[in-house]
Amino acid sequence: MDPETPLPPAVPLSPSASSTPAQPQPPTEPPPQTFKPRKIFIGKEGLRAGWGVLIFIVLFAAFLAIATVINSKLHPGQQRPTSVSVISLSFGYLQESILATAVLLSTWLMSKIERRGRSYGFGGKSKLALFLAGLLSGLVLISLLVFLLWTQRLLAIDGRLIFGADIFRYGALWLFAFCLVGIAEEGLTRGYLLYTLTRGLAWLYEYLFKTRHGTALGFWTAAVILSVIFFLGHTGNPGESPVGLLSVFAAGMFFCLSIWRTGSIWWAIGMHAAWDWGQSFLFGVADSGLMVQHRLLATHPAGKTFLSGGTTGPEGSIYILGVLALGSLIIVFTLPKRQYIAARPTASDIAQPAIASA
């Protein structure tokens, strides 16, 4: 270095640069968690499943009660049939219209409350195709069961009861009435309730057992629960039998299989409608112990009750289990396979529930 060059001035040390080590800061405590009452009702997936089920039941009961009061004012003295061969067309339309309307209104209101953008099995692009496929399957399966009973001399056909234009008129009217039956019963036990119970039970299985199969386990647990309710709903039918009630439970699981396979309720609605129409109008046999007026054929059971079905009708025959097994094969091998979107909806699938923004 040149001796003529001046040295740079010394920089004074800051206090922070002293040789004394810095003292560690105490850890910052997290802010206290505040209780939010909203979390009781709203979870990560929107309205919690238990509350959804409860609200749906309250809505359905309220609509049913209102409609029943109105009906009692308009038709005083009308009572539910207590024996066979008493259901008139007007009674069938009135009762099933009330039930179907209560189910559809309750489901629609829940879709507005939850804002899910889903329709609990009522939506999709293949509604009509699945419904028509269900109609065809139901007619084929009930015809097969009746044919089997007839060939085994377990069912006797006595003759026709209506003729000419009445066949087409009452046939069409009863078909529409049984479509209402399908909408009411399938919508109540395998619509919103099946979807929401699946969602809640799927979460429970995943939380408790850390399983990747929570949706499947939740769905089939919900299917068993609702099939038992479906079974209990038929216990008050006159002429019902133990085998008939067993077949009701089996039919509930059978319909759930179609929903699990297709992600839609419409095949089950069509199947249910055609099955009941085939029994009640076309073949004139009892349906869960009930018969209808203006049916096409007059028939009566013969032989042992557990084989013929007795007063229950073909649904009381042990042969129905084989027919339902065949129907299950139809579901698995002929219906399109689509995911049952019931549990774990993503943020793009679900908006905040209406009550969450209130």
Protein backbone atom coordinates (compact mmCIF):
# COMPACT_ATOMS: atom_id res chain seq x y z
CA MET A 1 0.00 0.00 0.00
CA ASP A 2 1.21 3.51 -0.78
CA PRO A 3 2.29 5.20 2.46
CA GLU A 4 0.75 8.44 1.15
CA THR A 5 -2.77 6.89 0.99
CA PRO A 6 -4.90 7.83 4.05
CA LEU A 7 -6.56 5.05 6.00
CA PRO A 8 -10.44 4.88 5.99
CA PRO A 9 -12.10 6.14 9.16
CA ALA A 10 -13.04 3.52 11.75
CA VAL A 11 -16.72 2.57 11.88
CA PRO A 12 -18.12 2.58 15.44
CA LEU A 13 -19.75 -0.67 16.57
CA SER A 14 -23.50 -0.58 17.14
CA PRO A 15 -24.87 -1.79 20.48
CA SER A 16 -26.38 -4.82 18.77
CA ALA A 17 -22.97 -5.84 17.49
CA SER A 18 -21.41 -6.01 20.94
CA SER A 19 -19.98 -9.23 22.20
CA THR A 20 -22.90 -9.75 24.60
CA PRO A 21 -25.12 -12.64 23.22
CA ALA A 22 -28.80 -11.82 22.52
CA GLN A 23 -31.28 -13.12 25.07
CA PRO A 24 -33.85 -15.70 23.66
CA GLN A 25 -37.36 -14.39 23.36
CA PRO A 26 -40.11 -16.28 25.24
CA PRO A 27 -42.44 -18.29 22.91
CA THR A 28 -45.54 -16.47 21.77
CA GLU A 29 -48.73 -18.09 23.08
CA PRO A 30 -51.43 -18.75 20.46
CA PRO A 31 -54.52 -16.58 20.77
CA PRO A 32 -57.32 -18.21 22.76
CA GLN A 33 -59.82 -20.15 20.65
CA THR A 34 -63.23 -18.53 20.59
CA PHE A 35 -66.31 -20.75 20.53
CA LYS A 36 -68.37 -20.27 17.39
CA PRO A 37 -71.96 -21.55 17.67
CA ARG A 38 -72.02 -21.72 13.86
CA LYS A 39 -69.70 -24.76 14.01
CA ILE A 40 -72.43 -26.75 15.73
CA PHE A 41 -74.47 -26.58 12.55
CA ILE A 42 -71.89 -26.03 9.79
CA GLY A 43 -68.89 -28.24 9.07
CA LYS A 44 -66.30 -28.36 6.31
CA GLU A 45 -68.89 -29.85 3.97
CA GLY A 46 -71.68 -27.45 4.80
CA LEU A 47 -74.71 -28.22 6.93
CA ARG A 48 -73.90 -31.18 9.15
CA ALA A 49 -75.61 -34.41 8.12
CA GLY A 50 -77.47 -34.94 11.40
CA TRP A 51 -79.07 -31.50 11.23
CA GLY A 52 -79.93 -32.04 7.58
CA VAL A 53 -81.76 -35.28 8.36
CA LEU A 54 -83.63 -33.65 11.23
CA ILE A 55 -84.68 -30.61 9.17
CA PHE A 56 -85.84 -32.84 6.31
CA ILE A 57 -87.97 -34.98 8.65
CA VAL A 58 -89.52 -31.86 10.23
CA LEU A 59 -90.30 -30.39 6.81
CA PHE A 60 -91.80 -33.63 5.54
CA ALA A 61 -93.93 -34.07 8.68
CA ALA A 62 -95.12 -30.46 8.46
CA PHE A 63 -96.11 -30.73 4.78
CA LEU A 64 -97.80 -34.07 5.44
CA ALA A 65 -99.74 -32.69 8.40
CA ILE A 66 -100.90 -29.63 6.44
CA ALA A 67 -101.99 -31.75 3.48
CA THR A 68 -103.77 -34.22 5.78
CA VAL A 69 -105.74 -31.43 7.47
CA ILE A 70 -106.74 -29.97 4.10
CA ASN A 71 -107.74 -33.42 2.87
CA SER A 72 -109.84 -34.08 5.95
CA LYS A 73 -111.71 -30.82 5.36
CA LEU A 74 -112.31 -31.57 1.69
CA HIS A 75 -113.11 -35.28 2.16
CA PRO A 76 -114.47 -35.81 5.68
CA GLY A 77 -114.84 -39.38 6.89
CA GLN A 78 -112.31 -40.86 4.44
CA GLN A 79 -110.25 -43.65 6.00
CA ARG A 80 -107.33 -45.84 4.94
CA PRO A 81 -108.44 -49.24 3.60
CA THR A 82 -108.37 -52.06 6.15
CA SER A 83 -109.09 -55.00 3.85
CA VAL A 84 -108.31 -56.16 0.35
CA SER A 85 -110.03 -55.03 -2.84
CA VAL A 86 -110.95 -51.59 -1.55
CA ILE A 87 -108.42 -49.09 -2.93
CA SER A 88 -110.16 -46.85 -5.41
CA LEU A 89 -108.43 -44.80 -8.07
CA SER A 90 -109.41 -41.54 -6.39
CA PHE A 91 -108.07 -42.70 -3.01
CA GLY A 92 -104.82 -43.86 -4.58
CA TYR A 93 -104.29 -40.56 -6.38
CA LEU A 94 -105.11 -38.50 -3.32
CA GLN A 95 -102.87 -40.36 -0.89
CA GLU A 96 -99.89 -40.73 -3.20
CA SER A 97 -100.12 -37.15 -4.46
CA ILE A 98 -99.91 -35.94 -0.87
CA LEU A 99 -96.88 -38.13 -0.12
CA ALA A 100 -95.07 -37.35 -3.37
CA THR A 101 -95.64 -33.61 -3.00
CA ALA A 102 -94.40 -33.63 0.61
CA VAL A 103 -91.27 -35.55 -0.40
CA LEU A 104 -90.47 -33.36 -3.41
CA LEU A 105 -91.07 -30.08 -1.55
CA SER A 106 -88.92 -31.19 1.38
CA THR A 107 -86.12 -32.29 -0.95
CA TRP A 108 -86.29 -29.05 -2.93
CA LEU A 109 -86.15 -26.92 0.22
CA MET A 110 -83.14 -28.86 1.51
CA SER A 111 -81.35 -28.26 -1.78
CA LYS A 112 -81.95 -24.53 -1.32
CA ILE A 113 -80.84 -24.56 2.33
CA GLU A 114 -77.66 -26.53 1.60
CA ARG A 115 -76.94 -24.94 -1.81
CA ARG A 116 -75.19 -28.10 -2.90
CA GLY A 117 -75.82 -27.85 -6.61
CA ARG A 118 -76.88 -31.49 -6.35
CA SER A 119 -80.30 -33.08 -6.45
CA TYR A 120 -79.85 -36.15 -4.21
CA GLY A 121 -80.26 -38.63 -7.06
CA PHE A 122 -83.05 -36.79 -8.89
CA GLY A 123 -80.72 -35.02 -11.35
CA GLY A 124 -78.33 -36.20 -14.05
CA LYS A 125 -78.44 -36.40 -17.83
CA SER A 126 -79.98 -39.88 -18.11
CA LYS A 127 -83.14 -39.45 -16.04
CA LEU A 128 -85.59 -40.44 -18.77
CA ALA A 129 -83.48 -43.34 -20.07
CA LEU A 130 -83.05 -44.78 -16.58
CA PHE A 131 -86.73 -44.30 -15.77
CA LEU A 132 -87.82 -46.11 -18.94
CA ALA A 133 -85.29 -48.89 -18.31
CA GLY A 134 -86.74 -49.24 -14.81
CA LEU A 135 -90.27 -49.48 -16.19
CA LEU A 136 -89.23 -52.24 -18.58
CA SER A 137 -87.29 -54.14 -15.91
CA GLY A 138 -90.15 -53.93 -13.42
CA LEU A 139 -92.69 -55.23 -15.92
CA VAL A 140 -90.41 -58.09 -17.00
CA LEU A 141 -89.58 -59.15 -13.45
CA ILE A 142 -93.14 -59.09 -12.09
CA SER A 143 -94.35 -60.95 -15.21
CA LEU A 144 -91.68 -63.59 -14.62
CA LEU A 145 -92.73 -64.05 -10.99
CA VAL A 146 -96.44 -64.28 -11.84
CA PHE A 147 -95.71 -66.69 -14.70
CA LEU A 148 -93.69 -68.89 -12.34
CA LEU A 149 -96.50 -68.96 -9.78
CA TRP A 150 -99.07 -69.73 -12.48
CA THR A 151 -97.06 -72.61 -13.98
CA GLN A 152 -96.54 -74.07 -10.48
CA ARG A 153 -100.34 -73.94 -9.88
CA LEU A 154 -99.79 -71.43 -7.09
CA LEU A 155 -101.87 -68.75 -8.80
CA ALA A 156 -105.20 -69.16 -10.57
CA ILE A 157 -106.51 -66.69 -13.15
CA ASP A 158 -110.29 -66.44 -12.99
CA GLY A 159 -110.88 -64.11 -15.94
CA ARG A 160 -111.01 -60.48 -17.00
CA LEU A 161 -112.82 -57.77 -15.07
CA ILE A 162 -112.71 -54.86 -17.54
CA PHE A 163 -112.99 -54.76 -21.32
CA GLY A 164 -112.55 -52.52 -24.37
CA ALA A 165 -111.51 -48.92 -23.90
CA ASP A 166 -111.60 -49.32 -20.10
CA ILE A 167 -108.43 -51.44 -20.30
CA PHE A 168 -106.43 -48.54 -21.77
CA ARG A 169 -108.13 -45.88 -19.66
CA TYR A 170 -107.67 -47.55 -16.29
CA GLY A 171 -104.32 -48.96 -17.30
CA ALA A 172 -102.95 -45.47 -18.01
CA LEU A 173 -104.55 -43.95 -14.91
CA TRP A 174 -103.18 -46.64 -12.61
CA LEU A 175 -99.74 -46.41 -14.23
CA PHE A 176 -99.54 -42.71 -13.43
CA ALA A 177 -100.80 -43.38 -9.90
CA PHE A 178 -98.04 -45.93 -9.36
CA CYS A 179 -95.47 -43.49 -10.72
CA LEU A 180 -96.54 -41.28 -7.83
CA VAL A 181 -96.02 -44.26 -5.51
CA GLY A 182 -92.50 -44.71 -6.89
CA ILE A 183 -91.64 -41.03 -6.46
CA ALA A 184 -93.07 -40.93 -2.93
CA GLU A 185 -91.52 -44.12 -1.56
CA GLU A 186 -88.20 -43.96 -3.38
CA GLY A 187 -87.84 -40.23 -2.78
CA LEU A 188 -88.54 -40.61 0.94
CA THR A 189 -86.31 -43.60 1.70
CA ARG A 190 -83.68 -43.43 -1.03
CA GLY A 191 -83.47 -39.76 -1.97
CA TYR A 192 -82.28 -36.99 0.36
CA LEU A 193 -82.09 -39.23 3.42
CA LEU A 194 -79.89 -41.83 1.71
CA TYR A 195 -77.57 -39.13 0.34
CA THR A 196 -77.23 -37.30 3.64
CA LEU A 197 -76.91 -40.36 5.86
CA THR A 198 -74.20 -41.64 3.51
CA ARG A 199 -72.35 -38.34 3.84
CA GLY A 200 -72.50 -38.36 7.63
CA LEU A 201 -71.68 -42.04 8.08
CA ALA A 202 -68.82 -41.83 5.57
CA TRP A 203 -67.21 -39.12 7.68
CA LEU A 204 -67.72 -41.21 10.82
CA TYR A 205 -66.09 -44.30 9.29
CA GLU A 206 -63.16 -42.27 8.00
CA TYR A 207 -62.70 -40.52 11.35
CA LEU A 208 -62.88 -43.67 13.47
CA PHE A 209 -61.14 -46.23 11.25
CA LYS A 210 -59.02 -44.07 8.91
CA THR A 211 -60.40 -46.03 5.96
CA ARG A 212 -60.45 -45.04 2.29
CA HIS A 213 -63.78 -46.85 1.85
CA GLY A 214 -65.85 -44.50 3.98
CA THR A 215 -68.32 -43.67 1.20
CA ALA A 216 -69.08 -47.33 0.43
CA LEU A 217 -69.38 -48.25 4.12
CA GLY A 218 -71.53 -45.20 4.79
CA PHE A 219 -73.79 -45.89 1.82
CA TRP A 220 -74.51 -49.53 2.68
CA THR A 221 -74.99 -48.76 6.37
CA ALA A 222 -77.50 -46.07 5.39
CA ALA A 223 -79.10 -48.53 2.94
CA VAL A 224 -79.68 -51.05 5.75
CA ILE A 225 -81.12 -48.39 8.06
CA LEU A 226 -83.52 -47.05 5.43
CA SER A 227 -84.50 -50.53 4.24
CA VAL A 228 -85.50 -51.34 7.82
CA ILE A 229 -87.62 -48.15 7.83
CA PHE A 230 -89.08 -49.23 4.46
CA PHE A 231 -89.88 -52.61 6.06
CA LEU A 232 -91.53 -50.98 9.08
CA GLY A 233 -93.62 -48.77 6.81
CA HIS A 234 -95.26 -51.89 5.32
CA THR A 235 -96.06 -53.65 8.59
CA GLY A 236 -99.46 -51.96 8.81
CA ASN A 237 -100.64 -53.26 5.43
CA PRO A 238 -103.52 -55.75 5.74
CA GLY A 239 -102.67 -59.29 4.68
CA GLU A 240 -98.90 -58.78 5.06
CA SER A 241 -96.85 -61.85 6.01
CA PRO A 242 -93.33 -62.58 7.40
CA VAL A 243 -92.05 -63.58 3.96
CA GLY A 244 -93.68 -60.49 2.47
CA LEU A 245 -91.95 -58.24 4.99
CA LEU A 246 -88.65 -59.99 4.33
CA SER A 247 -89.12 -59.28 0.62
CA VAL A 248 -89.82 -55.61 1.41
CA PHE A 249 -86.45 -55.33 3.14
CA ALA A 250 -84.75 -57.21 0.29
CA ALA A 251 -86.44 -54.91 -2.24
CA GLY A 252 -85.15 -51.88 -0.33
CA MET A 253 -81.57 -53.17 -0.61
CA PHE A 254 -82.22 -54.05 -4.26
CA PHE A 255 -83.31 -50.48 -5.06
CA CYS A 256 -80.26 -49.14 -3.19
CA LEU A 257 -78.05 -51.30 -5.40
CA SER A 258 -79.45 -49.56 -8.48
CA ILE A 259 -78.70 -46.14 -6.94
CA TRP A 260 -75.16 -47.17 -5.99
CA ARG A 261 -74.64 -48.44 -9.53
CA THR A 262 -76.10 -45.47 -11.45
CA GLY A 263 -75.87 -42.58 -8.98
CA SER A 264 -79.52 -41.89 -9.81
CA ILE A 265 -82.89 -42.69 -8.25
CA TRP A 266 -84.79 -42.79 -11.56
CA TRP A 267 -84.28 -46.47 -12.40
CA ALA A 268 -85.63 -47.38 -8.96
CA ILE A 269 -88.67 -45.11 -9.45
CA GLY A 270 -89.49 -46.70 -12.81
CA MET A 271 -88.91 -50.23 -11.52
CA HIS A 272 -91.07 -49.61 -8.44
CA ALA A 273 -93.90 -48.09 -10.50
CA ALA A 274 -93.99 -50.89 -13.11
CA TRP A 275 -93.72 -53.65 -10.49
CA ASP A 276 -96.67 -52.29 -8.51
CA TRP A 277 -98.68 -51.60 -11.69
CA GLY A 278 -98.06 -55.13 -12.96
CA GLN A 279 -99.23 -56.65 -9.70
CA SER A 280 -102.19 -54.43 -8.97
CA PHE A 281 -103.67 -53.62 -12.38
CA LEU A 282 -102.28 -56.00 -15.02
CA PHE A 283 -102.35 -59.31 -13.12
CA GLY A 284 -104.88 -58.37 -10.45
CA VAL A 285 -102.93 -59.82 -7.54
CA ALA A 286 -102.45 -58.32 -4.09
CA ASP A 287 -99.61 -55.87 -3.55
CA SER A 288 -98.32 -56.12 0.03
CA GLY A 289 -101.78 -57.31 1.01
CA LEU A 290 -103.64 -54.56 -0.87
CA MET A 291 -105.67 -54.77 -4.09
CA VAL A 292 -107.13 -52.10 -6.36
CA GLN A 293 -110.42 -51.54 -8.11
CA HIS A 294 -110.70 -51.54 -11.92
CA ARG A 295 -107.94 -54.12 -12.38
CA LEU A 296 -107.64 -56.13 -15.57
CA LEU A 297 -107.64 -59.70 -14.22
CA ALA A 298 -109.29 -61.55 -11.37
CA THR A 299 -106.93 -64.03 -9.67
CA HIS A 300 -106.58 -65.95 -6.44
CA PRO A 301 -103.63 -67.72 -4.76
CA ALA A 302 -103.50 -71.51 -4.29
CA GLY A 303 -101.25 -73.91 -2.44
CA LYS A 304 -98.93 -73.26 0.46
CA THR A 305 -98.81 -69.64 1.54
CA PHE A 306 -95.02 -69.30 1.67
CA LEU A 307 -94.90 -70.46 -1.97
CA SER A 308 -97.96 -68.69 -3.39
CA GLY A 309 -97.75 -65.56 -1.26
CA GLY A 310 -101.30 -65.98 0.01
CA THR A 311 -103.15 -62.76 0.77
CA THR A 312 -99.86 -60.82 0.62
CA GLY A 313 -99.59 -61.44 -3.12
CA PRO A 314 -96.52 -62.55 -5.09
CA GLU A 315 -94.32 -60.47 -2.78
CA GLY A 316 -95.19 -62.98 -0.05
CA SER A 317 -93.80 -65.89 -2.08
CA ILE A 318 -90.31 -67.16 -1.35
CA TYR A 319 -89.74 -67.18 -5.11
CA ILE A 320 -89.44 -63.39 -5.05
CA LEU A 321 -85.92 -63.68 -3.63
CA GLY A 322 -84.80 -65.45 -6.79
CA VAL A 323 -86.47 -62.80 -8.96
CA LEU A 324 -84.72 -60.02 -7.02
CA ALA A 325 -81.42 -61.85 -7.46
CA LEU A 326 -82.04 -61.90 -11.21
CA GLY A 327 -82.92 -58.21 -11.06
CA SER A 328 -79.60 -57.54 -9.32
CA LEU A 329 -77.80 -59.10 -12.27
CA ILE A 330 -79.76 -56.81 -14.59
CA ILE A 331 -78.57 -53.82 -12.57
CA VAL A 332 -74.92 -54.88 -12.54
CA PHE A 333 -74.64 -55.95 -16.19
CA THR A 334 -76.98 -53.57 -18.03
CA LEU A 335 -77.02 -50.24 -16.19
CA PRO A 336 -74.33 -47.59 -16.66
CA LYS A 337 -71.82 -47.32 -13.83
CA ARG A 338 -71.55 -43.88 -12.33
CA GLN A 339 -70.13 -42.76 -9.01
CA TYR A 340 -72.61 -42.14 -6.24
CA ILE A 341 -71.65 -38.57 -5.33
CA ALA A 342 -72.65 -38.59 -1.71
CA ALA A 343 -69.64 -38.01 0.49
CA ARG A 344 -66.58 -35.76 0.47
CA PRO A 345 -67.82 -33.00 -1.86
CA THR A 346 -65.06 -30.57 -2.88
CA ALA A 347 -65.10 -26.81 -2.63
CA SER A 348 -66.19 -26.55 -6.27
CA ASP A 349 -69.10 -28.92 -5.66
CA ILE A 350 -70.60 -27.18 -2.66
CA ALA A 351 -71.37 -23.59 -1.77
CA GLN A 352 -71.92 -22.25 1.72
CA PRO A 353 -75.35 -23.25 3.05
CA ALA A 354 -77.98 -20.55 3.02
CA ILE A 355 -78.14 -20.58 6.81
CA ALA A 356 -74.37 -20.06 6.99
CA SER A 357 -74.59 -16.60 5.44
CA ALA A 358 -77.43 -15.53 7.68
